[in-house]
Amino acid sequence: MKMILTLTMILLATECRAQTSIRNQNSKIQSALNRGIEETNRINAVKAEEARKKAEEAQQRQEALRKVVAAAENSGKSLYGVHPDLNDARGGLYAKPVASYQIGDWGYSPKVITAVNVINKDSLLVYLQDDPLDTQIESAKFMILKGFDTSKVTTDIRFLLYHPVTITRTQTYNTAGGTTNTVLVLDRNDTFIDAQVAPVKNARAAARAKYEAFRKIIPPADATGAAVYDSFPEADRAQLIQDWKNEDAAIKQAIEFHLTKLKNMKGAGRTQQEKELAKYRSGLTRNKKNNPPYLKKVD
């Protein structure tokens, strides 16, 4: 009997130690899990703060850029106005980085220009930058602007030139350090620009005239869809049908966009989205019938 009690006590003690060991092990596991959760939360908090700072910096930079461009726009319009055919005279310069400007290029450059020095009454040493907030002079492209009155230009003024120019030559000038530098020349050449713009303007005028003529065509009242264009000149039907199909696809895309936005919206915002959705659905119904016919507008 005494031996049985002893064995029982030993077994109980062993079980207690095992349970204690399990509890300790579970406690260690839970502590490790808690530390992992805390570390994950800390990392997520750091990332969130970094993202917030980046977003704030991006917003501040965007605002600074907006102010620089707005000031340059006002200065440019005050100095030289706006060329009447600016949109048609974008040429190759419009989309190029300044480092790629070369002889043979022409068009409107949307880069902010900084005046460095007035050379004479119609010549100005300037530099252009892709990023007007960049303070590194290495990013600047020095050039000479010719053909524009410099009497109102002051050193360091920044402006946007709303006039197309040509690049057909280089010019060498003396630097303040006693050396020379050869740069590209941005020339005002209205005769050349007019010649480049004329075909574009003529094509647009012809397109407008055709558009106005098409507006006067009245298809049969029972015609719908693509059949509506049977009343139009045969040479234009394929393009007219394609324009109509493109409009149909655009309306459907707009409907999907507003349906997606509606999923998580409430209140006044939802009401406005529902109105927009109803407008596009009505437009889709009207476009499917297509009588009066859809005609792509000409700018």
C-alpha atoms as a PDB file:
ATOM      1  CA  MET A   1       0.000   0.000   0.000  1.00  0.00           C
ATOM      2  CA  LYS A   2       2.804   2.341   0.932  1.00  0.00           C
ATOM      3  CA  MET A   3       4.525   1.574  -2.364  1.00  0.00           C
ATOM      4  CA  ILE A   4       1.331   2.351  -4.309  1.00  0.00           C
ATOM      5  CA  LEU A   5       1.003   5.723  -2.572  1.00  0.00           C
ATOM      6  CA  THR A   6       4.611   6.503  -3.320  1.00  0.00           C
ATOM      7  CA  LEU A   7       4.174   5.639  -7.000  1.00  0.00           C
ATOM      8  CA  THR A   8       0.991   7.708  -7.154  1.00  0.00           C
ATOM      9  CA  MET A   9       2.765  10.702  -5.660  1.00  0.00           C
ATOM     10  CA  ILE A  10       5.624  10.296  -8.096  1.00  0.00           C
ATOM     11  CA  LEU A  11       3.188  10.144 -11.012  1.00  0.00           C
ATOM     12  CA  LEU A  12       1.315  13.204  -9.760  1.00  0.00           C
ATOM     13  CA  ALA A  13       4.547  15.121  -9.316  1.00  0.00           C
ATOM     14  CA  THR A  14       5.675  14.126 -12.792  1.00  0.00           C
ATOM     15  CA  GLU A  15       2.340  15.215 -14.255  1.00  0.00           C
ATOM     16  CA  CYS A  16       2.528  18.531 -12.409  1.00  0.00           C
ATOM     17  CA  ARG A  17       6.020  19.127 -13.725  1.00  0.00           C
ATOM     18  CA  ALA A  18       4.841  18.239 -17.243  1.00  0.00           C
ATOM     19  CA  GLN A  19       1.890  20.602 -17.002  1.00  0.00           C
ATOM     20  CA  THR A  20       4.129  23.328 -15.618  1.00  0.00           C
ATOM     21  CA  SER A  21       6.549  22.734 -18.471  1.00  0.00           C
ATOM     22  CA  ILE A  22       3.703  22.926 -20.998  1.00  0.00           C
ATOM     23  CA  ARG A  23       2.419  26.143 -19.424  1.00  0.00           C
ATOM     24  CA  ASN A  24       5.904  27.604 -19.497  1.00  0.00           C
ATOM     25  CA  GLN A  25       6.325  26.546 -23.102  1.00  0.00           C
ATOM     26  CA  ASN A  26       2.926  27.999 -24.027  1.00  0.00           C
ATOM     27  CA  SER A  27       3.841  31.177 -22.205  1.00  0.00           C
ATOM     28  CA  LYS A  28       7.076  31.429 -24.162  1.00  0.00           C
ATOM     29  CA  ILE A  29       5.229  30.809 -27.421  1.00  0.00           C
ATOM     30  CA  GLN A  30       2.631  33.447 -26.548  1.00  0.00           C
ATOM     31  CA  SER A  31       5.363  35.901 -25.581  1.00  0.00           C
ATOM     32  CA  ALA A  32       7.111  35.257 -28.875  1.00  0.00           C
ATOM     33  CA  LEU A  33       3.835  35.753 -30.733  1.00  0.00           C
ATOM     34  CA  ASN A  34       3.185  38.984 -28.840  1.00  0.00           C
ATOM     35  CA  ARG A  35       6.674  40.226 -29.655  1.00  0.00           C
ATOM     36  CA  GLY A  36       6.094  39.322 -33.292  1.00  0.00           C
ATOM     37  CA  ILE A  37       2.789  41.182 -33.343  1.00  0.00           C
ATOM     38  CA  GLU A  38       4.357  44.195 -31.637  1.00  0.00           C
ATOM     39  CA  GLU A  39       7.232  44.203 -34.140  1.00  0.00           C
ATOM     40  CA  THR A  40       4.811  43.884 -37.061  1.00  0.00           C
ATOM     41  CA  ASN A  41       2.738  46.751 -35.686  1.00  0.00           C
ATOM     42  CA  ARG A  42       5.882  48.823 -35.213  1.00  0.00           C
ATOM     43  CA  ILE A  43       7.052  48.143 -38.771  1.00  0.00           C
ATOM     44  CA  ASN A  44       3.592  48.924 -40.155  1.00  0.00           C
ATOM     45  CA  ALA A  45       3.490  52.153 -38.149  1.00  0.00           C
ATOM     46  CA  VAL A  46       6.917  53.146 -39.477  1.00  0.00           C
ATOM     47  CA  LYS A  47       5.851  52.340 -43.042  1.00  0.00           C
ATOM     48  CA  ALA A  48       2.612  54.268 -42.603  1.00  0.00           C
ATOM     49  CA  GLU A  49       4.517  57.282 -41.290  1.00  0.00           C
ATOM     50  CA  GLU A  50       7.001  57.072 -44.155  1.00  0.00           C
ATOM     51  CA  ALA A  51       4.137  56.867 -46.648  1.00  0.00           C
ATOM     52  CA  ARG A  52       2.442  59.842 -44.994  1.00  0.00           C
ATOM     53  CA  LYS A  53       5.635  61.897 -45.157  1.00  0.00           C
ATOM     54  CA  LYS A  54       6.212  60.967 -48.800  1.00  0.00           C
ATOM     55  CA  ALA A  55       2.641  61.900 -49.675  1.00  0.00           C
ATOM     56  CA  GLU A  56       3.015  65.183 -47.800  1.00  0.00           C
ATOM     57  CA  GLU A  57       6.330  65.933 -49.509  1.00  0.00           C
ATOM     58  CA  ALA A  58       4.833  65.084 -52.903  1.00  0.00           C
ATOM     59  CA  GLN A  59       1.900  67.378 -52.212  1.00  0.00           C
ATOM     60  CA  GLN A  60       4.212  70.190 -51.102  1.00  0.00           C
ATOM     61  CA  ARG A  61       6.363  69.697 -54.184  1.00  0.00           C
ATOM     62  CA  GLN A  62       3.315  69.720 -56.435  1.00  0.00           C
ATOM     63  CA  GLU A  63       2.135  72.955 -54.858  1.00  0.00           C
ATOM     64  CA  ALA A  64       5.582  74.529 -55.235  1.00  0.00           C
ATOM     65  CA  LEU A  65       5.685  73.437 -58.881  1.00  0.00           C
ATOM     66  CA  ARG A  66       2.213  74.843 -59.477  1.00  0.00           C
ATOM     67  CA  LYS A  67       3.287  78.228 -58.110  1.00  0.00           C
ATOM     68  CA  VAL A  68       6.463  78.321 -60.216  1.00  0.00           C
ATOM     69  CA  VAL A  69       4.599  77.392 -63.395  1.00  0.00           C
ATOM     70  CA  ALA A  70       1.770  79.848 -62.677  1.00  0.00           C
ATOM     71  CA  ALA A  71       4.257  82.681 -62.151  1.00  0.00           C
ATOM     72  CA  ALA A  72       6.162  81.691 -65.313  1.00  0.00           C
ATOM     73  CA  GLU A  73       2.909  81.568 -67.259  1.00  0.00           C
ATOM     74  CA  ASN A  74       1.961  85.078 -66.170  1.00  0.00           C
ATOM     75  CA  SER A  75       5.433  86.401 -66.980  1.00  0.00           C
ATOM     76  CA  GLY A  76       5.470  84.762 -70.406  1.00  0.00           C
ATOM     77  CA  LYS A  77       2.065  86.080 -71.393  1.00  0.00           C
ATOM     78  CA  SER A  78       2.977  89.534 -70.134  1.00  0.00           C
ATOM     79  CA  LEU A  79       6.243  89.569 -72.089  1.00  0.00           C
ATOM     80  CA  TYR A  80       5.212  87.970 -75.379  1.00  0.00           C
ATOM     81  CA  GLY A  81       1.534  87.026 -75.367  1.00  0.00           C
ATOM     82  CA  VAL A  82       0.304  83.770 -76.911  1.00  0.00           C
ATOM     83  CA  HIS A  83       0.763  82.624 -80.501  1.00  0.00           C
ATOM     84  CA  PRO A  84      -2.673  82.195 -82.158  1.00  0.00           C
ATOM     85  CA  ASP A  85      -1.803  78.748 -83.542  1.00  0.00           C
ATOM     86  CA  LEU A  86       0.060  77.423 -80.515  1.00  0.00           C
ATOM     87  CA  ASN A  87      -1.780  74.091 -80.302  1.00  0.00           C
ATOM     88  CA  ASP A  88      -1.137  73.353 -83.961  1.00  0.00           C
ATOM     89  CA  ALA A  89       2.524  74.347 -83.691  1.00  0.00           C
ATOM     90  CA  ARG A  90       3.681  72.005 -80.934  1.00  0.00           C
ATOM     91  CA  GLY A  91       6.050  70.245 -83.294  1.00  0.00           C
ATOM     92  CA  GLY A  92       8.736  67.924 -81.974  1.00  0.00           C
ATOM     93  CA  LEU A  93       9.907  70.174 -79.151  1.00  0.00           C
ATOM     94  CA  TYR A  94       6.724  69.831 -77.129  1.00  0.00           C
ATOM     95  CA  ALA A  95       7.344  66.302 -75.849  1.00  0.00           C
ATOM     96  CA  LYS A  96      11.155  66.305 -75.822  1.00  0.00           C
ATOM     97  CA  PRO A  97      13.411  66.544 -72.751  1.00  0.00           C
ATOM     98  CA  VAL A  98      15.663  69.584 -73.043  1.00  0.00           C
ATOM     99  CA  ALA A  99      18.794  67.431 -73.225  1.00  0.00           C
ATOM    100  CA  SER A 100      17.504  66.057 -76.545  1.00  0.00           C
ATOM    101  CA  TYR A 101      16.947  69.416 -78.248  1.00  0.00           C
ATOM    102  CA  GLN A 102      18.928  69.521 -81.471  1.00  0.00           C
ATOM    103  CA  ILE A 103      19.273  71.255 -84.813  1.00  0.00           C
ATOM    104  CA  GLY A 104      16.257  70.486 -86.970  1.00  0.00           C
ATOM    105  CA  ASP A 105      13.751  70.628 -84.108  1.00  0.00           C
ATOM    106  CA  TRP A 106      10.891  73.088 -84.103  1.00  0.00           C
ATOM    107  CA  GLY A 107       7.709  73.749 -82.168  1.00  0.00           C
ATOM    108  CA  TYR A 108       6.484  74.991 -78.827  1.00  0.00           C
ATOM    109  CA  SER A 109       8.581  74.185 -75.765  1.00  0.00           C
ATOM    110  CA  PRO A 110       6.575  73.950 -72.522  1.00  0.00           C
ATOM    111  CA  LYS A 111       9.724  74.236 -70.381  1.00  0.00           C
ATOM    112  CA  VAL A 112      10.173  77.051 -67.882  1.00  0.00           C
ATOM    113  CA  ILE A 113      12.808  79.439 -69.241  1.00  0.00           C
ATOM    114  CA  THR A 114      15.146  81.397 -66.978  1.00  0.00           C
ATOM    115  CA  ALA A 115      16.742  84.587 -68.319  1.00  0.00           C
ATOM    116  CA  VAL A 116      20.499  84.725 -67.676  1.00  0.00           C
ATOM    117  CA  ASN A 117      21.699  87.744 -69.613  1.00  0.00           C
ATOM    118  CA  VAL A 118      20.385  90.173 -72.222  1.00  0.00           C
ATOM    119  CA  ILE A 119      22.725  90.052 -75.228  1.00  0.00           C
ATOM    120  CA  ASN A 120      21.006  92.721 -77.330  1.00  0.00           C
ATOM    121  CA  LYS A 121      17.553  94.045 -78.194  1.00  0.00           C
ATOM    122  CA  ASP A 122      16.319  90.697 -79.532  1.00  0.00           C
ATOM    123  CA  SER A 123      18.795  88.139 -78.157  1.00  0.00           C
ATOM    124  CA  LEU A 124      18.702  86.601 -74.719  1.00  0.00           C
ATOM    125  CA  LEU A 125      20.898  84.004 -73.031  1.00  0.00           C
ATOM    126  CA  VAL A 126      18.607  81.595 -71.195  1.00  0.00           C
ATOM    127  CA  TYR A 127      18.500  78.136 -69.724  1.00  0.00           C
ATOM    128  CA  LEU A 128      15.687  75.586 -69.786  1.00  0.00           C
ATOM    129  CA  GLN A 129      14.967  72.741 -67.372  1.00  0.00           C
ATOM    130  CA  ASP A 130      12.639  69.769 -67.464  1.00  0.00           C
ATOM    131  CA  ASP A 131      12.095  70.229 -63.734  1.00  0.00           C
ATOM    132  CA  PRO A 132      11.925  73.919 -62.759  1.00  0.00           C
ATOM    133  CA  LEU A 133      12.381  72.972 -59.087  1.00  0.00           C
ATOM    134  CA  ASP A 134      15.752  71.343 -59.773  1.00  0.00           C
ATOM    135  CA  THR A 135      18.465  73.504 -58.206  1.00  0.00           C
ATOM    136  CA  GLN A 136      21.326  71.669 -59.923  1.00  0.00           C
ATOM    137  CA  ILE A 137      22.655  73.827 -62.750  1.00  0.00           C
ATOM    138  CA  GLU A 138      23.920  70.647 -64.427  1.00  0.00           C
ATOM    139  CA  SER A 139      20.313  69.840 -65.346  1.00  0.00           C
ATOM    140  CA  ALA A 140      19.934  73.134 -67.216  1.00  0.00           C
ATOM    141  CA  LYS A 141      20.213  73.502 -70.984  1.00  0.00           C
ATOM    142  CA  PHE A 142      21.750  76.859 -71.918  1.00  0.00           C
ATOM    143  CA  MET A 143      20.489  78.344 -75.180  1.00  0.00           C
ATOM    144  CA  ILE A 144      20.089  81.693 -76.920  1.00  0.00           C
ATOM    145  CA  LEU A 145      16.579  82.955 -77.585  1.00  0.00           C
ATOM    146  CA  LYS A 146      16.434  85.230 -80.642  1.00  0.00           C
ATOM    147  CA  GLY A 147      13.760  87.295 -82.323  1.00  0.00           C
ATOM    148  CA  PHE A 148      11.911  88.414 -79.194  1.00  0.00           C
ATOM    149  CA  ASP A 149      12.033  91.892 -77.659  1.00  0.00           C
ATOM    150  CA  THR A 150      14.271  91.870 -74.580  1.00  0.00           C
ATOM    151  CA  SER A 151      13.549  95.418 -73.367  1.00  0.00           C
ATOM    152  CA  LYS A 152      11.284  94.212 -70.546  1.00  0.00           C
ATOM    153  CA  VAL A 153      13.367  91.202 -69.565  1.00  0.00           C
ATOM    154  CA  THR A 154      15.185  91.223 -66.231  1.00  0.00           C
ATOM    155  CA  THR A 155      17.920  88.841 -65.135  1.00  0.00           C
ATOM    156  CA  ASP A 156      16.633  85.639 -63.517  1.00  0.00           C
ATOM    157  CA  ILE A 157      13.043  86.206 -64.601  1.00  0.00           C
ATOM    158  CA  ARG A 158      11.358  82.880 -65.317  1.00  0.00           C
ATOM    159  CA  PHE A 159       8.755  82.602 -68.036  1.00  0.00           C
ATOM    160  CA  LEU A 160       6.922  80.266 -70.377  1.00  0.00           C
ATOM    161  CA  LEU A 161       7.288  81.139 -74.041  1.00  0.00           C
ATOM    162  CA  TYR A 162       3.917  80.622 -75.712  1.00  0.00           C
ATOM    163  CA  HIS A 163       5.443  80.903 -79.170  1.00  0.00           C
ATOM    164  CA  PRO A 164       6.840  78.158 -81.408  1.00  0.00           C
ATOM    165  CA  VAL A 165      10.509  78.418 -82.349  1.00  0.00           C
ATOM    166  CA  THR A 166      12.983  76.694 -84.640  1.00  0.00           C
ATOM    167  CA  ILE A 167      16.459  75.291 -83.976  1.00  0.00           C
ATOM    168  CA  THR A 168      18.619  75.580 -87.076  1.00  0.00           C
ATOM    169  CA  ARG A 169      21.985  76.816 -85.791  1.00  0.00           C
ATOM    170  CA  THR A 170      24.348  77.366 -82.885  1.00  0.00           C
ATOM    171  CA  GLN A 171      25.983  80.491 -81.514  1.00  0.00           C
ATOM    172  CA  THR A 172      29.105  81.057 -79.447  1.00  0.00           C
ATOM    173  CA  TYR A 173      29.182  83.595 -76.632  1.00  0.00           C
ATOM    174  CA  ASN A 174      31.734  84.794 -74.091  1.00  0.00           C
ATOM    175  CA  THR A 175      31.208  83.606 -70.528  1.00  0.00           C
ATOM    176  CA  ALA A 176      31.791  85.638 -67.369  1.00  0.00           C
ATOM    177  CA  GLY A 177      34.853  83.508 -66.684  1.00  0.00           C
ATOM    178  CA  GLY A 178      36.564  84.617 -69.880  1.00  0.00           C
ATOM    179  CA  THR A 179      35.895  81.430 -71.850  1.00  0.00           C
ATOM    180  CA  THR A 180      33.467  80.750 -74.681  1.00  0.00           C
ATOM    181  CA  ASN A 181      30.457  78.490 -74.903  1.00  0.00           C
ATOM    182  CA  THR A 182      28.568  77.292 -77.973  1.00  0.00           C
ATOM    183  CA  VAL A 183      24.847  76.682 -77.596  1.00  0.00           C
ATOM    184  CA  LEU A 184      21.756  76.045 -79.688  1.00  0.00           C
ATOM    185  CA  VAL A 185      19.692  79.021 -80.832  1.00  0.00           C
ATOM    186  CA  LEU A 186      15.920  79.165 -80.391  1.00  0.00           C
ATOM    187  CA  ASP A 187      14.887  81.320 -83.345  1.00  0.00           C
ATOM    188  CA  ARG A 188      11.611  83.053 -83.950  1.00  0.00           C
ATOM    189  CA  ASN A 189      10.722  82.152 -87.533  1.00  0.00           C
ATOM    190  CA  ASP A 190       7.078  82.956 -88.168  1.00  0.00           C
ATOM    191  CA  THR A 191       7.299  82.212 -91.901  1.00  0.00           C
ATOM    192  CA  PHE A 192       8.524  78.668 -91.261  1.00  0.00           C
ATOM    193  CA  ILE A 193       5.979  78.066 -88.491  1.00  0.00           C
ATOM    194  CA  ASP A 194       3.109  79.340 -90.635  1.00  0.00           C
ATOM    195  CA  ALA A 195       4.137  76.912 -93.374  1.00  0.00           C
ATOM    196  CA  GLN A 196       4.133  74.002 -90.901  1.00  0.00           C
ATOM    197  CA  VAL A 197       0.809  74.965 -89.375  1.00  0.00           C
ATOM    198  CA  ALA A 198      -1.058  75.694 -92.617  1.00  0.00           C
ATOM    199  CA  PRO A 199      -1.758  72.031 -93.565  1.00  0.00           C
ATOM    200  CA  VAL A 200      -3.052  71.305 -90.061  1.00  0.00           C
ATOM    201  CA  LYS A 201      -5.335  74.333 -90.109  1.00  0.00           C
ATOM    202  CA  ASN A 202      -6.572  73.506 -93.598  1.00  0.00           C
ATOM    203  CA  ALA A 203      -7.311  69.912 -92.611  1.00  0.00           C
ATOM    204  CA  ARG A 204      -9.229  71.088 -89.558  1.00  0.00           C
ATOM    205  CA  ALA A 205     -11.213  73.592 -91.607  1.00  0.00           C
ATOM    206  CA  ALA A 206     -12.124  70.854 -94.081  1.00  0.00           C
ATOM    207  CA  ALA A 207     -13.140  68.535 -91.235  1.00  0.00           C
ATOM    208  CA  ARG A 208     -15.319  71.250 -89.718  1.00  0.00           C
ATOM    209  CA  ALA A 209     -16.984  71.909 -93.064  1.00  0.00           C
ATOM    210  CA  LYS A 210     -17.687  68.191 -93.494  1.00  0.00           C
ATOM    211  CA  TYR A 211     -19.044  67.973 -89.945  1.00  0.00           C
ATOM    212  CA  GLU A 212     -21.437  70.853 -90.562  1.00  0.00           C
ATOM    213  CA  ALA A 213     -22.563  69.268 -93.842  1.00  0.00           C
ATOM    214  CA  PHE A 214     -23.186  65.927 -92.111  1.00  0.00           C
ATOM    215  CA  ARG A 215     -25.282  67.624 -89.431  1.00  0.00           C
ATOM    216  CA  LYS A 216     -27.751  68.622 -92.152  1.00  0.00           C
ATOM    217  CA  ILE A 217     -28.302  65.020 -93.287  1.00  0.00           C
ATOM    218  CA  ILE A 218     -31.579  63.580 -91.969  1.00  0.00           C
ATOM    219  CA  PRO A 219     -31.738  59.741 -92.101  1.00  0.00           C
ATOM    220  CA  PRO A 220     -35.064  57.874 -92.434  1.00  0.00           C
ATOM    221  CA  ALA A 221     -37.060  57.983 -89.202  1.00  0.00           C
ATOM    222  CA  ASP A 222     -37.061  54.179 -88.851  1.00  0.00           C
ATOM    223  CA  ALA A 223     -33.280  53.796 -89.339  1.00  0.00           C
ATOM    224  CA  THR A 224     -31.271  52.794 -86.259  1.00  0.00           C
ATOM    225  CA  GLY A 225     -27.736  51.863 -85.286  1.00  0.00           C
ATOM    226  CA  ALA A 226     -25.145  51.592 -88.036  1.00  0.00           C
ATOM    227  CA  ALA A 227     -27.868  51.641 -90.698  1.00  0.00           C
ATOM    228  CA  VAL A 228     -28.376  55.329 -89.982  1.00  0.00           C
ATOM    229  CA  TYR A 229     -25.154  56.057 -91.869  1.00  0.00           C
ATOM    230  CA  ASP A 230     -26.543  54.591 -95.106  1.00  0.00           C
ATOM    231  CA  SER A 231     -27.707  58.136 -95.811  1.00  0.00           C
ATOM    232  CA  PHE A 232     -24.126  59.447 -95.673  1.00  0.00           C
ATOM    233  CA  PRO A 233     -21.448  59.437 -98.401  1.00  0.00           C
ATOM    234  CA  GLU A 234     -20.143  55.913 -98.908  1.00  0.00           C
ATOM    235  CA  ALA A 235     -16.505  57.004 -98.571  1.00  0.00           C
ATOM    236  CA  ASP A 236     -17.151  58.218 -95.013  1.00  0.00           C
ATOM    237  CA  ARG A 237     -19.414  55.459 -93.691  1.00  0.00           C
ATOM    238  CA  ALA A 238     -16.740  53.145 -92.289  1.00  0.00           C
ATOM    239  CA  GLN A 239     -15.169  55.947 -90.220  1.00  0.00           C
ATOM    240  CA  LEU A 240     -18.562  57.228 -89.077  1.00  0.00           C
ATOM    241  CA  ILE A 241     -19.552  53.742 -87.893  1.00  0.00           C
ATOM    242  CA  GLN A 242     -16.227  53.307 -86.097  1.00  0.00           C
ATOM    243  CA  ASP A 243     -16.635  56.676 -84.356  1.00  0.00           C
ATOM    244  CA  TRP A 244     -20.127  55.623 -83.267  1.00  0.00           C
ATOM    245  CA  LYS A 245     -18.830  52.293 -81.900  1.00  0.00           C
ATOM    246  CA  ASN A 246     -16.036  54.095 -80.041  1.00  0.00           C
ATOM    247  CA  GLU A 247     -18.595  56.392 -78.441  1.00  0.00           C
ATOM    248  CA  ASP A 248     -20.683  53.378 -77.408  1.00  0.00           C
ATOM    249  CA  ALA A 249     -17.626  51.785 -75.765  1.00  0.00           C
ATOM    250  CA  ALA A 250     -16.751  55.037 -73.986  1.00  0.00           C
ATOM    251  CA  ILE A 251     -20.263  55.349 -72.542  1.00  0.00           C
ATOM    252  CA  LYS A 252     -20.184  51.747 -71.303  1.00  0.00           C
ATOM    253  CA  GLN A 253     -16.817  52.369 -69.679  1.00  0.00           C
ATOM    254  CA  ALA A 254     -18.204  55.454 -67.940  1.00  0.00           C
ATOM    255  CA  ILE A 255     -21.160  53.419 -66.644  1.00  0.00           C
ATOM    256  CA  GLU A 256     -18.819  50.781 -65.200  1.00  0.00           C
ATOM    257  CA  PHE A 257     -16.739  53.521 -63.583  1.00  0.00           C
ATOM    258  CA  HIS A 258     -19.735  55.071 -61.836  1.00  0.00           C
ATOM    259  CA  LEU A 259     -21.097  51.668 -60.781  1.00  0.00           C
ATOM    260  CA  THR A 260     -17.758  50.924 -59.122  1.00  0.00           C
ATOM    261  CA  LYS A 261     -17.758  54.265 -57.314  1.00  0.00           C
ATOM    262  CA  LEU A 262     -21.320  53.703 -56.103  1.00  0.00           C
ATOM    263  CA  LYS A 263     -20.448  50.509 -54.233  1.00  0.00           C
ATOM    264  CA  ASN A 264     -18.997  52.278 -51.200  1.00  0.00           C
ATOM    265  CA  MET A 265     -20.723  55.653 -51.391  1.00  0.00           C
ATOM    266  CA  LYS A 266     -23.428  57.121 -49.183  1.00  0.00           C
ATOM    267  CA  GLY A 267     -25.249  60.402 -48.753  1.00  0.00           C
ATOM    268  CA  ALA A 268     -24.996  63.342 -51.148  1.00  0.00           C
ATOM    269  CA  GLY A 269     -22.027  61.838 -52.972  1.00  0.00           C
ATOM    270  CA  ARG A 270     -24.039  58.731 -53.815  1.00  0.00           C
ATOM    271  CA  THR A 271     -26.955  60.827 -55.040  1.00  0.00           C
ATOM    272  CA  GLN A 272     -24.663  62.704 -57.414  1.00  0.00           C
ATOM    273  CA  GLN A 273     -23.140  59.468 -58.711  1.00  0.00           C
ATOM    274  CA  GLU A 274     -26.609  58.040 -59.303  1.00  0.00           C
ATOM    275  CA  LYS A 275     -27.479  61.120 -61.357  1.00  0.00           C
ATOM    276  CA  GLU A 276     -24.300  60.705 -63.402  1.00  0.00           C
ATOM    277  CA  LEU A 277     -25.045  57.020 -63.890  1.00  0.00           C
ATOM    278  CA  ALA A 278     -28.588  57.773 -65.050  1.00  0.00           C
ATOM    279  CA  LYS A 279     -27.223  60.331 -67.505  1.00  0.00           C
ATOM    280  CA  TYR A 280     -24.823  57.830 -69.065  1.00  0.00           C
ATOM    281  CA  ARG A 281     -27.447  55.081 -69.215  1.00  0.00           C
ATOM    282  CA  SER A 282     -29.773  57.460 -71.006  1.00  0.00           C
ATOM    283  CA  GLY A 283     -26.931  58.353 -73.347  1.00  0.00           C
ATOM    284  CA  LEU A 284     -26.281  54.666 -74.043  1.00  0.00           C
ATOM    285  CA  THR A 285     -29.919  54.109 -74.995  1.00  0.00           C
ATOM    286  CA  ARG A 286     -29.862  57.156 -77.246  1.00  0.00           C
ATOM    287  CA  ASN A 287     -26.568  56.111 -78.821  1.00  0.00           C
ATOM    288  CA  LYS A 288     -27.829  52.593 -79.582  1.00  0.00           C
ATOM    289  CA  LYS A 289     -30.810  54.012 -81.429  1.00  0.00           C
ATOM    290  CA  ASN A 290     -28.452  56.498 -83.097  1.00  0.00           C
ATOM    291  CA  ASN A 291     -31.105  58.628 -84.739  1.00  0.00           C
ATOM    292  CA  PRO A 292     -30.268  61.491 -84.966  1.00  0.00           C
ATOM    293  CA  PRO A 293     -26.846  60.011 -85.753  1.00  0.00           C
ATOM    294  CA  TYR A 294     -23.744  60.351 -83.622  1.00  0.00           C
ATOM    295  CA  LEU A 295     -21.119  62.578 -85.216  1.00  0.00           C
ATOM    296  CA  LYS A 296     -17.702  62.996 -83.642  1.00  0.00           C
ATOM    297  CA  LYS A 297     -17.132  66.669 -82.935  1.00  0.00           C
ATOM    298  CA  VAL A 298     -14.278  68.511 -84.586  1.00  0.00           C
ATOM    299  CA  ASP A 299     -12.192  70.849 -82.418  1.00  0.00           C
END
